[in-house]
Amino acid sequence: MHDADPEPLLVFRAVMARLRAECPWKREQTHRSLARYLLEETYETLEVLDVEPPDDAHLAEELGDLLLQVYFHAALAAERGAFDLDDVARGIIAKMVRRNPHVFGEERSGEGPGDEERTAAAVNDRWQRIKAEEKADRAELDDGLPSALPALLYADKLLDRLERSGRRVGVDEGSADVGERLLALVVEARVGGVDAEQALRAAVRRRL
């Protein structure tokens, strides 16, 4: 860490503003043209995180690349008078405060020895409940779920919504259909508290 650096985020914003003004390539970019880079940088960050423990220098570099994408999209929005990076920060601050009443509100989670797992579960349930209330106008269970999500992650999130809505998730483990069997494995992973997407990525990497 370099605490002596003069407001590095302000310097970063100034550098990006100059690049946007003076670099022909950066002047031509749009939200759509930048979308592929946001996806690529996200997956490059995930690749670093696949290694335990991750290489700190490499992780810092990839997080910087992600920060660049966040700033770039905010800068494009600011140019058309929609919002800027400060608005993005205000929005996420408000969301974090709203969805964490156990920290910022009157609610308090349980404390003391042996309560950690119960408390974490309670906090997650509260987060999901508040999130559902905020999205109460959704007409369908998959509203707001990006269709471009990796299939296992998409299945996991949709199953979570089904369970929270009180619907029974029926799967045919003996089905000849590969998709049905994969879905059954995601259900099994959820029961065991396993992230199916990460588990498959780890299994593949072990064979490289």
N, C-alpha and C. Protein backbone atom coordinates (compact mmCIF):
# COMPACT_ATOMS: atom_id res chain seq x y z
N MET A 1 0.84 -1.20 0.00
CA MET A 1 0.00 0.00 0.00
C MET A 1 0.88 1.25 0.00
N HIS A 2 0.37 2.35 -0.58
CA HIS A 2 1.16 3.57 -0.69
C HIS A 2 0.33 4.73 -0.14
N ASP A 3 0.31 4.86 1.19
CA ASP A 3 -0.52 5.87 1.83
C ASP A 3 -0.08 7.28 1.49
N ALA A 4 1.18 7.45 1.03
CA ALA A 4 1.69 8.79 0.75
C ALA A 4 1.23 9.31 -0.61
N ASP A 5 0.65 8.45 -1.44
CA ASP A 5 0.18 8.87 -2.76
C ASP A 5 -0.86 9.98 -2.61
N PRO A 6 -0.79 11.04 -3.44
CA PRO A 6 -1.75 12.14 -3.35
C PRO A 6 -3.09 11.77 -3.98
N GLU A 7 -4.05 11.38 -3.14
CA GLU A 7 -5.41 11.10 -3.61
C GLU A 7 -5.40 10.31 -4.92
N PRO A 8 -4.96 9.06 -4.90
CA PRO A 8 -4.81 8.29 -6.14
C PRO A 8 -6.10 8.17 -6.95
N LEU A 9 -7.24 8.12 -6.30
CA LEU A 9 -8.49 8.02 -7.06
C LEU A 9 -8.78 9.31 -7.82
N LEU A 10 -8.41 10.45 -7.23
CA LEU A 10 -8.59 11.72 -7.94
C LEU A 10 -7.64 11.80 -9.12
N VAL A 11 -6.41 11.34 -8.93
CA VAL A 11 -5.44 11.31 -10.03
C VAL A 11 -5.94 10.39 -11.13
N PHE A 12 -6.48 9.24 -10.74
CA PHE A 12 -7.01 8.28 -11.71
C PHE A 12 -8.12 8.92 -12.54
N ARG A 13 -9.01 9.64 -11.88
CA ARG A 13 -10.11 10.29 -12.61
C ARG A 13 -9.57 11.34 -13.57
N ALA A 14 -8.53 12.07 -13.15
CA ALA A 14 -7.94 13.09 -14.02
C ALA A 14 -7.26 12.45 -15.23
N VAL A 15 -6.56 11.34 -15.00
CA VAL A 15 -5.91 10.62 -16.09
C VAL A 15 -6.95 10.13 -17.09
N MET A 16 -8.03 9.55 -16.58
CA MET A 16 -9.07 9.03 -17.47
C MET A 16 -9.78 10.14 -18.23
N ALA A 17 -9.99 11.27 -17.58
CA ALA A 17 -10.63 12.39 -18.26
C ALA A 17 -9.76 12.88 -19.42
N ARG A 18 -8.44 12.94 -19.20
CA ARG A 18 -7.54 13.38 -20.26
C ARG A 18 -7.51 12.36 -21.40
N LEU A 19 -7.47 11.08 -21.04
CA LEU A 19 -7.47 10.04 -22.08
C LEU A 19 -8.75 10.10 -22.90
N ARG A 20 -9.87 10.30 -22.23
CA ARG A 20 -11.15 10.38 -22.94
C ARG A 20 -11.16 11.57 -23.90
N ALA A 21 -10.50 12.65 -23.52
CA ALA A 21 -10.48 13.86 -24.34
C ALA A 21 -9.47 13.79 -25.47
N GLU A 22 -8.33 13.12 -25.24
CA GLU A 22 -7.23 13.20 -26.19
C GLU A 22 -6.91 11.91 -26.92
N CYS A 23 -7.41 10.77 -26.46
CA CYS A 23 -7.12 9.49 -27.12
C CYS A 23 -8.23 9.16 -28.12
N PRO A 24 -7.89 9.05 -29.42
CA PRO A 24 -8.92 8.78 -30.44
C PRO A 24 -9.71 7.51 -30.16
N TRP A 25 -9.03 6.45 -29.72
CA TRP A 25 -9.74 5.18 -29.48
C TRP A 25 -10.73 5.34 -28.34
N LYS A 26 -10.31 5.98 -27.26
CA LYS A 26 -11.19 6.13 -26.11
C LYS A 26 -12.35 7.07 -26.40
N ARG A 27 -12.14 8.04 -27.27
CA ARG A 27 -13.23 8.95 -27.64
C ARG A 27 -14.33 8.22 -28.40
N GLU A 28 -13.95 7.16 -29.12
CA GLU A 28 -14.92 6.45 -29.96
C GLU A 28 -15.76 5.43 -29.18
N GLN A 29 -15.37 5.12 -27.95
CA GLN A 29 -16.03 4.02 -27.24
C GLN A 29 -17.44 4.39 -26.77
N THR A 30 -18.28 3.35 -26.72
CA THR A 30 -19.66 3.48 -26.22
C THR A 30 -19.88 2.40 -25.17
N HIS A 31 -21.02 2.46 -24.49
CA HIS A 31 -21.34 1.40 -23.53
C HIS A 31 -21.29 0.03 -24.20
N ARG A 32 -21.86 -0.04 -25.39
CA ARG A 32 -21.92 -1.34 -26.08
C ARG A 32 -20.53 -1.82 -26.50
N SER A 33 -19.71 -0.92 -27.03
CA SER A 33 -18.38 -1.35 -27.48
C SER A 33 -17.49 -1.77 -26.31
N LEU A 34 -17.75 -1.22 -25.13
CA LEU A 34 -16.95 -1.55 -23.96
C LEU A 34 -17.43 -2.82 -23.24
N ALA A 35 -18.62 -3.29 -23.59
CA ALA A 35 -19.21 -4.41 -22.86
C ALA A 35 -18.30 -5.64 -22.85
N ARG A 36 -17.69 -5.94 -23.98
CA ARG A 36 -16.83 -7.13 -24.07
C ARG A 36 -15.64 -7.02 -23.13
N TYR A 37 -15.12 -5.80 -22.96
CA TYR A 37 -13.95 -5.62 -22.09
C TYR A 37 -14.33 -5.79 -20.62
N LEU A 38 -15.53 -5.36 -20.28
CA LEU A 38 -16.00 -5.56 -18.91
C LEU A 38 -16.11 -7.05 -18.61
N LEU A 39 -16.63 -7.81 -19.57
CA LEU A 39 -16.75 -9.26 -19.39
C LEU A 39 -15.37 -9.91 -19.31
N GLU A 40 -14.48 -9.53 -20.22
CA GLU A 40 -13.13 -10.11 -20.23
C GLU A 40 -12.39 -9.83 -18.93
N GLU A 41 -12.46 -8.59 -18.45
CA GLU A 41 -11.75 -8.24 -17.22
C GLU A 41 -12.34 -8.96 -16.01
N THR A 42 -13.65 -9.18 -16.04
CA THR A 42 -14.29 -9.92 -14.95
C THR A 42 -13.77 -11.35 -14.90
N TYR A 43 -13.69 -11.99 -16.05
CA TYR A 43 -13.22 -13.37 -16.08
C TYR A 43 -11.72 -13.46 -15.78
N GLU A 44 -10.95 -12.46 -16.16
CA GLU A 44 -9.54 -12.46 -15.81
C GLU A 44 -9.36 -12.34 -14.29
N THR A 45 -10.23 -11.57 -13.66
CA THR A 45 -10.19 -11.46 -12.20
C THR A 45 -10.57 -12.78 -11.55
N LEU A 46 -11.59 -13.43 -12.10
CA LEU A 46 -12.00 -14.73 -11.57
C LEU A 46 -10.88 -15.76 -11.69
N GLU A 47 -10.12 -15.67 -12.78
CA GLU A 47 -9.02 -16.61 -12.97
C GLU A 47 -7.98 -16.45 -11.86
N VAL A 48 -7.71 -15.21 -11.47
CA VAL A 48 -6.77 -14.97 -10.37
C VAL A 48 -7.33 -15.55 -9.08
N LEU A 49 -8.63 -15.40 -8.86
CA LEU A 49 -9.26 -15.86 -7.63
C LEU A 49 -9.40 -17.38 -7.57
N ASP A 50 -9.24 -18.05 -8.71
CA ASP A 50 -9.31 -19.51 -8.72
C ASP A 50 -8.14 -20.13 -7.97
N VAL A 51 -7.06 -19.38 -7.82
CA VAL A 51 -5.87 -19.87 -7.11
C VAL A 51 -5.98 -19.44 -5.65
N GLU A 52 -5.76 -20.40 -4.74
CA GLU A 52 -5.85 -20.10 -3.31
C GLU A 52 -4.50 -20.33 -2.62
N PRO A 53 -3.91 -19.31 -2.04
CA PRO A 53 -4.38 -17.92 -2.03
C PRO A 53 -4.04 -17.22 -3.35
N PRO A 54 -4.80 -16.20 -3.72
CA PRO A 54 -4.50 -15.51 -4.98
C PRO A 54 -3.22 -14.70 -4.88
N ASP A 55 -2.60 -14.48 -6.03
CA ASP A 55 -1.42 -13.62 -6.09
C ASP A 55 -1.87 -12.17 -5.88
N ASP A 56 -1.42 -11.55 -4.80
CA ASP A 56 -1.92 -10.23 -4.44
C ASP A 56 -1.63 -9.17 -5.50
N ALA A 57 -0.42 -9.19 -6.05
CA ALA A 57 -0.06 -8.19 -7.06
C ALA A 57 -0.93 -8.35 -8.30
N HIS A 58 -1.14 -9.60 -8.71
CA HIS A 58 -1.96 -9.87 -9.89
C HIS A 58 -3.41 -9.48 -9.62
N LEU A 59 -3.90 -9.78 -8.42
CA LEU A 59 -5.27 -9.43 -8.07
C LEU A 59 -5.47 -7.92 -8.08
N ALA A 60 -4.51 -7.19 -7.51
CA ALA A 60 -4.60 -5.73 -7.50
C ALA A 60 -4.64 -5.18 -8.93
N GLU A 61 -3.84 -5.78 -9.81
CA GLU A 61 -3.82 -5.34 -11.21
C GLU A 61 -5.17 -5.56 -11.88
N GLU A 62 -5.75 -6.75 -11.67
CA GLU A 62 -7.02 -7.06 -12.31
C GLU A 62 -8.16 -6.22 -11.74
N LEU A 63 -8.12 -5.95 -10.43
CA LEU A 63 -9.13 -5.08 -9.84
C LEU A 63 -9.01 -3.67 -10.41
N GLY A 64 -7.79 -3.25 -10.70
CA GLY A 64 -7.59 -1.96 -11.35
C GLY A 64 -8.22 -1.92 -12.73
N ASP A 65 -8.09 -3.02 -13.47
CA ASP A 65 -8.71 -3.10 -14.80
C ASP A 65 -10.23 -3.04 -14.69
N LEU A 66 -10.78 -3.67 -13.66
CA LEU A 66 -12.23 -3.61 -13.44
C LEU A 66 -12.65 -2.18 -13.07
N LEU A 67 -11.85 -1.53 -12.23
CA LEU A 67 -12.14 -0.15 -11.85
C LEU A 67 -12.15 0.75 -13.07
N LEU A 68 -11.23 0.50 -14.00
CA LEU A 68 -11.19 1.26 -15.24
C LEU A 68 -12.51 1.14 -15.99
N GLN A 69 -13.05 -0.07 -16.06
CA GLN A 69 -14.31 -0.28 -16.77
C GLN A 69 -15.46 0.44 -16.08
N VAL A 70 -15.50 0.37 -14.75
CA VAL A 70 -16.55 1.06 -14.00
C VAL A 70 -16.47 2.56 -14.26
N TYR A 71 -15.27 3.11 -14.18
CA TYR A 71 -15.12 4.55 -14.40
C TYR A 71 -15.51 4.92 -15.83
N PHE A 72 -15.09 4.11 -16.80
CA PHE A 72 -15.34 4.42 -18.20
C PHE A 72 -16.85 4.51 -18.46
N HIS A 73 -17.61 3.53 -17.96
CA HIS A 73 -19.06 3.55 -18.18
C HIS A 73 -19.70 4.74 -17.46
N ALA A 74 -19.21 5.06 -16.27
CA ALA A 74 -19.75 6.21 -15.54
C ALA A 74 -19.43 7.51 -16.28
N ALA A 75 -18.23 7.59 -16.87
CA ALA A 75 -17.83 8.79 -17.61
C ALA A 75 -18.71 8.98 -18.84
N LEU A 76 -19.01 7.88 -19.53
CA LEU A 76 -19.88 7.97 -20.71
C LEU A 76 -21.27 8.47 -20.30
N ALA A 77 -21.77 7.95 -19.18
CA ALA A 77 -23.08 8.38 -18.70
C ALA A 77 -23.06 9.86 -18.30
N ALA A 78 -21.96 10.29 -17.69
CA ALA A 78 -21.85 11.69 -17.27
C ALA A 78 -21.86 12.63 -18.47
N GLU A 79 -21.25 12.19 -19.57
CA GLU A 79 -21.18 13.03 -20.77
C GLU A 79 -22.56 13.29 -21.36
N ARG A 80 -23.49 12.36 -21.15
CA ARG A 80 -24.85 12.60 -21.65
C ARG A 80 -25.79 13.06 -20.54
N GLY A 81 -25.23 13.44 -19.40
CA GLY A 81 -26.02 14.02 -18.33
C GLY A 81 -26.88 13.04 -17.56
N ALA A 82 -26.54 11.75 -17.60
CA ALA A 82 -27.35 10.74 -16.92
C ALA A 82 -26.94 10.59 -15.45
N PHE A 83 -25.70 10.25 -15.21
CA PHE A 83 -25.16 10.11 -13.86
C PHE A 83 -23.64 10.11 -13.97
N ASP A 84 -22.96 10.26 -12.83
CA ASP A 84 -21.50 10.20 -12.84
C ASP A 84 -21.02 9.22 -11.77
N LEU A 85 -19.71 9.13 -11.61
CA LEU A 85 -19.15 8.16 -10.66
C LEU A 85 -19.60 8.44 -9.23
N ASP A 86 -19.77 9.71 -8.88
CA ASP A 86 -20.26 10.04 -7.55
C ASP A 86 -21.67 9.50 -7.34
N ASP A 87 -22.50 9.58 -8.37
CA ASP A 87 -23.85 9.03 -8.27
C ASP A 87 -23.82 7.52 -8.09
N VAL A 88 -22.89 6.87 -8.79
CA VAL A 88 -22.73 5.42 -8.63
C VAL A 88 -22.37 5.09 -7.19
N ALA A 89 -21.43 5.86 -6.63
CA ALA A 89 -21.02 5.64 -5.24
C ALA A 89 -22.17 5.90 -4.27
N ARG A 90 -22.91 6.98 -4.50
CA ARG A 90 -24.04 7.27 -3.63
C ARG A 90 -25.07 6.15 -3.67
N GLY A 91 -25.30 5.61 -4.86
CA GLY A 91 -26.28 4.54 -5.00
C GLY A 91 -25.90 3.29 -4.24
N ILE A 92 -24.62 2.89 -4.33
CA ILE A 92 -24.21 1.66 -3.65
C ILE A 92 -24.11 1.89 -2.15
N ILE A 93 -23.77 3.11 -1.72
CA ILE A 93 -23.77 3.42 -0.29
C ILE A 93 -25.17 3.28 0.28
N ALA A 94 -26.15 3.87 -0.41
CA ALA A 94 -27.53 3.79 0.05
C ALA A 94 -28.01 2.35 0.11
N LYS A 95 -27.63 1.56 -0.90
CA LYS A 95 -28.05 0.16 -0.93
C LYS A 95 -27.45 -0.62 0.23
N MET A 96 -26.16 -0.42 0.49
CA MET A 96 -25.50 -1.15 1.57
C MET A 96 -26.11 -0.80 2.93
N VAL A 97 -26.41 0.48 3.14
CA VAL A 97 -27.02 0.90 4.41
C VAL A 97 -28.42 0.30 4.53
N ARG A 98 -29.19 0.36 3.44
CA ARG A 98 -30.57 -0.13 3.46
C ARG A 98 -30.64 -1.63 3.68
N ARG A 99 -29.71 -2.36 3.07
CA ARG A 99 -29.78 -3.82 3.15
C ARG A 99 -29.01 -4.41 4.34
N ASN A 100 -28.43 -3.57 5.15
CA ASN A 100 -27.70 -4.05 6.33
C ASN A 100 -28.20 -3.36 7.60
N PRO A 101 -29.48 -3.51 7.91
CA PRO A 101 -30.03 -2.86 9.10
C PRO A 101 -29.41 -3.38 10.40
N HIS A 102 -28.80 -4.57 10.35
CA HIS A 102 -28.16 -5.11 11.55
C HIS A 102 -26.89 -4.34 11.90
N VAL A 103 -26.38 -3.57 10.93
CA VAL A 103 -25.19 -2.75 11.17
C VAL A 103 -25.57 -1.28 11.30
N PHE A 104 -26.41 -0.79 10.38
CA PHE A 104 -26.71 0.63 10.32
C PHE A 104 -28.06 1.00 10.92
N GLY A 105 -28.90 0.00 11.21
CA GLY A 105 -30.22 0.28 11.76
C GLY A 105 -30.34 -0.15 13.20
N GLU A 106 -31.59 -0.32 13.65
CA GLU A 106 -31.84 -0.69 15.04
C GLU A 106 -31.71 -2.18 15.27
N GLU A 107 -31.83 -2.97 14.18
CA GLU A 107 -31.73 -4.42 14.34
C GLU A 107 -30.31 -4.79 14.75
N ARG A 108 -30.20 -5.86 15.52
CA ARG A 108 -28.88 -6.37 15.89
C ARG A 108 -28.90 -7.88 15.76
N SER A 109 -27.88 -8.42 15.09
CA SER A 109 -27.77 -9.86 14.96
C SER A 109 -27.23 -10.44 16.25
N GLY A 110 -27.41 -11.74 16.43
CA GLY A 110 -26.92 -12.40 17.63
C GLY A 110 -25.42 -12.34 17.72
N GLU A 111 -24.92 -12.26 18.93
CA GLU A 111 -23.49 -12.19 19.14
C GLU A 111 -23.10 -13.23 20.18
N GLY A 112 -21.82 -13.58 20.19
CA GLY A 112 -21.34 -14.50 21.19
C GLY A 112 -20.87 -15.79 20.59
N PRO A 113 -20.19 -16.64 21.38
CA PRO A 113 -19.65 -17.91 20.89
C PRO A 113 -20.73 -18.81 20.30
N GLY A 114 -20.40 -19.42 19.19
CA GLY A 114 -21.31 -20.38 18.59
C GLY A 114 -22.40 -19.77 17.74
N ASP A 115 -22.47 -18.44 17.69
CA ASP A 115 -23.55 -17.78 16.96
C ASP A 115 -23.16 -17.35 15.55
N GLU A 116 -21.90 -17.54 15.18
CA GLU A 116 -21.41 -16.97 13.92
C GLU A 116 -22.18 -17.49 12.72
N GLU A 117 -22.36 -18.83 12.62
CA GLU A 117 -23.04 -19.39 11.45
C GLU A 117 -24.50 -18.96 11.43
N ARG A 118 -25.16 -19.02 12.58
CA ARG A 118 -26.57 -18.63 12.63
C ARG A 118 -26.72 -17.17 12.26
N THR A 119 -25.81 -16.35 12.75
CA THR A 119 -25.86 -14.93 12.45
C THR A 119 -25.64 -14.66 10.97
N ALA A 120 -24.66 -15.31 10.37
CA ALA A 120 -24.39 -15.13 8.94
C ALA A 120 -25.61 -15.54 8.12
N ALA A 121 -26.24 -16.65 8.49
CA ALA A 121 -27.42 -17.11 7.76
C ALA A 121 -28.57 -16.12 7.91
N ALA A 122 -28.74 -15.59 9.13
CA ALA A 122 -29.82 -14.63 9.37
C ALA A 122 -29.59 -13.35 8.58
N VAL A 123 -28.35 -12.91 8.53
CA VAL A 123 -28.02 -11.69 7.78
C VAL A 123 -28.30 -11.89 6.30
N ASN A 124 -27.92 -13.05 5.76
CA ASN A 124 -28.16 -13.33 4.34
C ASN A 124 -29.65 -13.39 4.05
N ASP A 125 -30.41 -14.04 4.94
CA ASP A 125 -31.86 -14.12 4.74
C ASP A 125 -32.48 -12.73 4.74
N ARG A 126 -32.03 -11.88 5.66
CA ARG A 126 -32.56 -10.51 5.73
C ARG A 126 -32.22 -9.74 4.46
N TRP A 127 -30.98 -9.90 4.01
CA TRP A 127 -30.55 -9.24 2.76
C TRP A 127 -31.46 -9.65 1.60
N GLN A 128 -31.70 -10.95 1.47
CA GLN A 128 -32.52 -11.44 0.37
C GLN A 128 -33.96 -10.95 0.50
N ARG A 129 -34.47 -10.87 1.72
CA ARG A 129 -35.84 -10.40 1.93
C ARG A 129 -35.98 -8.93 1.55
N ILE A 130 -35.01 -8.12 1.97
CA ILE A 130 -35.04 -6.70 1.63
C ILE A 130 -34.90 -6.52 0.12
N LYS A 131 -34.02 -7.30 -0.48
CA LYS A 131 -33.83 -7.23 -1.93
C LYS A 131 -35.12 -7.59 -2.66
N ALA A 132 -35.81 -8.63 -2.17
CA ALA A 132 -37.07 -9.05 -2.80
C ALA A 132 -38.13 -7.95 -2.68
N GLU A 133 -38.16 -7.26 -1.54
CA GLU A 133 -39.11 -6.17 -1.36
C GLU A 133 -38.82 -5.03 -2.32
N GLU A 134 -37.55 -4.78 -2.57
CA GLU A 134 -37.16 -3.72 -3.51
C GLU A 134 -37.55 -4.07 -4.94
N LYS A 135 -37.57 -5.38 -5.23
CA LYS A 135 -37.87 -5.84 -6.59
C LYS A 135 -39.27 -6.43 -6.67
N ALA A 136 -40.18 -5.94 -5.83
CA ALA A 136 -41.51 -6.54 -5.74
C ALA A 136 -42.32 -6.43 -7.03
N ASP A 137 -41.91 -5.54 -7.93
CA ASP A 137 -42.67 -5.36 -9.17
C ASP A 137 -42.28 -6.35 -10.26
N ARG A 138 -41.39 -7.29 -9.94
CA ARG A 138 -41.01 -8.29 -10.94
C ARG A 138 -42.21 -9.17 -11.27
N ALA A 139 -42.46 -9.33 -12.57
CA ALA A 139 -43.59 -10.15 -12.99
C ALA A 139 -43.23 -11.63 -13.03
N GLU A 140 -41.98 -11.93 -13.35
CA GLU A 140 -41.55 -13.32 -13.48
C GLU A 140 -40.36 -13.59 -12.56
N LEU A 141 -40.18 -14.86 -12.22
CA LEU A 141 -39.09 -15.24 -11.32
C LEU A 141 -37.72 -14.92 -11.91
N ASP A 142 -37.61 -14.95 -13.23
CA ASP A 142 -36.30 -14.70 -13.83
C ASP A 142 -36.08 -13.24 -14.20
N ASP A 143 -37.02 -12.36 -13.84
CA ASP A 143 -36.81 -10.94 -14.11
C ASP A 143 -35.57 -10.45 -13.37
N GLY A 144 -34.69 -9.78 -14.08
CA GLY A 144 -33.49 -9.26 -13.45
C GLY A 144 -32.33 -10.23 -13.43
N LEU A 145 -32.55 -11.47 -13.86
CA LEU A 145 -31.46 -12.44 -13.94
C LEU A 145 -30.84 -12.35 -15.33
N PRO A 146 -29.59 -11.94 -15.44
CA PRO A 146 -28.97 -11.82 -16.77
C PRO A 146 -28.92 -13.17 -17.48
N SER A 147 -29.44 -13.22 -18.68
CA SER A 147 -29.44 -14.48 -19.44
C SER A 147 -28.03 -14.90 -19.82
N ALA A 148 -27.07 -13.96 -19.77
CA ALA A 148 -25.69 -14.27 -20.14
C ALA A 148 -24.89 -14.90 -18.99
N LEU A 149 -25.52 -15.07 -17.83
CA LEU A 149 -24.81 -15.72 -16.72
C LEU A 149 -24.39 -17.13 -17.12
N PRO A 150 -23.26 -17.62 -16.60
CA PRO A 150 -22.91 -19.03 -16.81
C PRO A 150 -24.07 -19.91 -16.37
N ALA A 151 -24.30 -21.01 -17.10
CA ALA A 151 -25.50 -21.82 -16.90
C ALA A 151 -25.67 -22.32 -15.47
N LEU A 152 -24.59 -22.80 -14.85
CA LEU A 152 -24.70 -23.32 -13.49
C LEU A 152 -25.05 -22.21 -12.51
N LEU A 153 -24.47 -21.04 -12.69
CA LEU A 153 -24.77 -19.91 -11.82
C LEU A 153 -26.20 -19.45 -12.02
N TYR A 154 -26.65 -19.42 -13.28
CA TYR A 154 -28.03 -19.03 -13.59
C TYR A 154 -29.00 -19.99 -12.92
N ALA A 155 -28.71 -21.30 -13.02
CA ALA A 155 -29.58 -22.30 -12.40
C ALA A 155 -29.61 -22.12 -10.89
N ASP A 156 -28.46 -21.88 -10.28
CA ASP A 156 -28.39 -21.70 -8.83
C ASP A 156 -29.23 -20.52 -8.37
N LYS A 157 -29.13 -19.41 -9.07
CA LYS A 157 -29.88 -18.22 -8.68
C LYS A 157 -31.38 -18.41 -8.89
N LEU A 158 -31.76 -19.08 -9.98
CA LEU A 158 -33.17 -19.31 -10.23
C LEU A 158 -33.75 -20.28 -9.20
N LEU A 159 -32.99 -21.32 -8.85
CA LEU A 159 -33.43 -22.25 -7.82
C LEU A 159 -33.61 -21.54 -6.49
N ASP A 160 -32.72 -20.62 -6.19
CA ASP A 160 -32.83 -19.85 -4.94
C ASP A 160 -34.14 -19.07 -4.92
N ARG A 161 -34.48 -18.44 -6.04
CA ARG A 161 -35.73 -17.68 -6.11
C ARG A 161 -36.94 -18.60 -5.98
N LEU A 162 -36.88 -19.76 -6.61
CA LEU A 162 -37.98 -20.71 -6.52
C LEU A 162 -38.19 -21.14 -5.07
N GLU A 163 -37.11 -21.45 -4.38
CA GLU A 163 -37.21 -21.89 -2.99
C GLU A 163 -37.76 -20.78 -2.11
N ARG A 164 -37.32 -19.56 -2.32
CA ARG A 164 -37.78 -18.44 -1.50
C ARG A 164 -39.23 -18.10 -1.77
N SER A 165 -39.72 -18.45 -2.95
CA SER A 165 -41.13 -18.21 -3.27
C SER A 165 -42.03 -19.34 -2.77
N GLY A 166 -41.40 -20.37 -2.18
CA GLY A 166 -42.17 -21.49 -1.63
C GLY A 166 -42.51 -22.56 -2.64
N ARG A 167 -41.93 -22.49 -3.82
CA ARG A 167 -42.22 -23.50 -4.84
C ARG A 167 -41.30 -24.71 -4.67
N ARG A 168 -41.85 -25.86 -4.89
CA ARG A 168 -41.06 -27.09 -4.80
C ARG A 168 -40.25 -27.27 -6.08
N VAL A 169 -38.98 -27.58 -5.91
CA VAL A 169 -38.10 -27.78 -7.06
C VAL A 169 -38.01 -29.27 -7.34
N GLY A 170 -38.66 -29.71 -8.40
CA GLY A 170 -38.63 -31.13 -8.76
C GLY A 170 -37.62 -31.40 -9.85
N VAL A 171 -36.75 -32.38 -9.63
CA VAL A 171 -35.77 -32.75 -10.64
C VAL A 171 -35.77 -34.27 -10.80
N ASP A 172 -35.41 -34.71 -11.98
CA ASP A 172 -35.35 -36.14 -12.29
C ASP A 172 -33.90 -36.56 -12.37
N GLU A 173 -33.38 -37.09 -11.26
CA GLU A 173 -31.97 -37.46 -11.22
C GLU A 173 -31.63 -38.60 -12.17
N GLY A 174 -32.62 -39.44 -12.49
CA GLY A 174 -32.37 -40.57 -13.37
C GLY A 174 -32.67 -40.28 -14.82
N SER A 175 -32.94 -39.03 -15.15
CA SER A 175 -33.29 -38.66 -16.51
C SER A 175 -32.13 -38.92 -17.47
N ALA A 176 -32.48 -39.26 -18.71
CA ALA A 176 -31.46 -39.44 -19.74
C ALA A 176 -31.00 -38.09 -20.29
N ASP A 177 -31.76 -37.04 -19.96
CA ASP A 177 -31.43 -35.71 -20.44
C ASP A 177 -30.28 -35.13 -19.61
N VAL A 178 -29.21 -34.74 -20.28
CA VAL A 178 -28.03 -34.22 -19.59
C VAL A 178 -28.37 -32.95 -18.80
N GLY A 179 -29.20 -32.10 -19.39
CA GLY A 179 -29.58 -30.87 -18.71
C GLY A 179 -30.29 -31.14 -17.39
N GLU A 180 -31.20 -32.12 -17.39
CA GLU A 180 -31.91 -32.48 -16.16
C GLU A 180 -30.95 -32.99 -15.10
N ARG A 181 -29.97 -33.79 -15.52
CA ARG A 181 -29.01 -34.32 -14.56
C ARG A 181 -28.11 -33.22 -14.01
N LEU A 182 -27.75 -32.27 -14.87
CA LEU A 182 -26.96 -31.14 -14.40
C LEU A 182 -27.75 -30.31 -13.39
N LEU A 183 -29.04 -30.12 -13.68
CA LEU A 183 -29.89 -29.37 -12.77
C LEU A 183 -29.99 -30.09 -11.42
N ALA A 184 -30.09 -31.41 -11.48
CA ALA A 184 -30.15 -32.20 -10.25
C ALA A 184 -28.86 -32.03 -9.44
N LEU A 185 -27.73 -31.94 -10.12
CA LEU A 185 -26.46 -31.74 -9.43
C LEU A 185 -26.39 -30.36 -8.78
N VAL A 186 -26.97 -29.36 -9.44
CA VAL A 186 -27.00 -28.02 -8.85
C VAL A 186 -27.85 -28.03 -7.58
N VAL A 187 -28.99 -28.74 -7.64
CA VAL A 187 -29.84 -28.87 -6.45
C VAL A 187 -29.07 -29.56 -5.33
N GLU A 188 -28.37 -30.64 -5.67
CA GLU A 188 -27.56 -31.37 -4.69
C GLU A 188 -26.48 -30.47 -4.09
N ALA A 189 -25.85 -29.67 -4.94
CA ALA A 189 -24.80 -28.76 -4.46
C ALA A 189 -25.38 -27.74 -3.49
N ARG A 190 -26.56 -27.21 -3.81
CA ARG A 190 -27.19 -26.22 -2.94
C ARG A 190 -27.49 -26.82 -1.57
N VAL A 191 -27.98 -28.05 -1.56
CA VAL A 191 -28.29 -28.72 -0.29
C VAL A 191 -27.02 -28.86 0.56
N GLY A 192 -25.91 -29.13 -0.12
CA GLY A 192 -24.64 -29.30 0.59
C GLY A 192 -23.88 -28.02 0.83
N GLY A 193 -24.47 -26.88 0.44
CA GLY A 193 -23.80 -25.60 0.64
C GLY A 193 -22.61 -25.39 -0.27
N VAL A 194 -22.65 -26.03 -1.44
CA VAL A 194 -21.54 -25.94 -2.40
C VAL A 194 -21.93 -25.05 -3.57
N ASP A 195 -21.02 -24.19 -3.99
CA ASP A 195 -21.22 -23.36 -5.18
C ASP A 195 -20.89 -24.22 -6.39
N ALA A 196 -21.91 -24.62 -7.15
CA ALA A 196 -21.71 -25.53 -8.28
C ALA A 196 -20.77 -24.95 -9.33
N GLU A 197 -20.90 -23.68 -9.60
CA GLU A 197 -20.05 -23.03 -10.60
C GLU A 197 -18.58 -23.09 -10.19
N GLN A 198 -18.30 -22.73 -8.95
CA GLN A 198 -16.92 -22.76 -8.47
C GLN A 198 -16.39 -24.18 -8.38
N ALA A 199 -17.26 -25.12 -7.98
CA ALA A 199 -16.83 -26.51 -7.85
C ALA A 199 -16.41 -27.08 -9.19
N LEU A 200 -17.17 -26.77 -10.25
CA LEU A 200 -16.83 -27.27 -11.57
C LEU A 200 -15.55 -26.62 -12.08
N ARG A 201 -15.40 -25.31 -11.87
CA ARG A 201 -14.18 -24.62 -12.29
C ARG A 201 -12.97 -25.21 -11.60
N ALA A 202 -13.10 -25.50 -10.29
CA ALA A 202 -11.98 -26.07 -9.54
C ALA A 202 -11.64 -27.46 -10.04
N ALA A 203 -12.67 -28.27 -10.36
CA ALA A 203 -12.44 -29.62 -10.84
C ALA A 203 -11.72 -29.61 -12.19
N VAL A 204 -12.11 -28.68 -13.06
CA VAL A 204 -11.47 -28.57 -14.37
C VAL A 204 -10.01 -28.14 -14.20
N ARG A 205 -9.76 -27.17 -13.33
CA ARG A 205 -8.39 -26.67 -13.13
C ARG A 205 -7.48 -27.76 -12.57
N ARG A 206 -8.03 -28.66 -11.76
CA ARG A 206 -7.21 -29.73 -11.20
C ARG A 206 -6.70 -30.68 -12.27
N ARG A 207 -7.33 -30.65 -13.42
CA ARG A 207 -6.94 -31.55 -14.50
C ARG A 207 -6.08 -30.87 -15.56
N LEU A 208 -5.75 -29.63 -15.34
CA LEU A 208 -4.91 -28.91 -16.31
C LEU A 208 -3.44 -29.23 -16.09
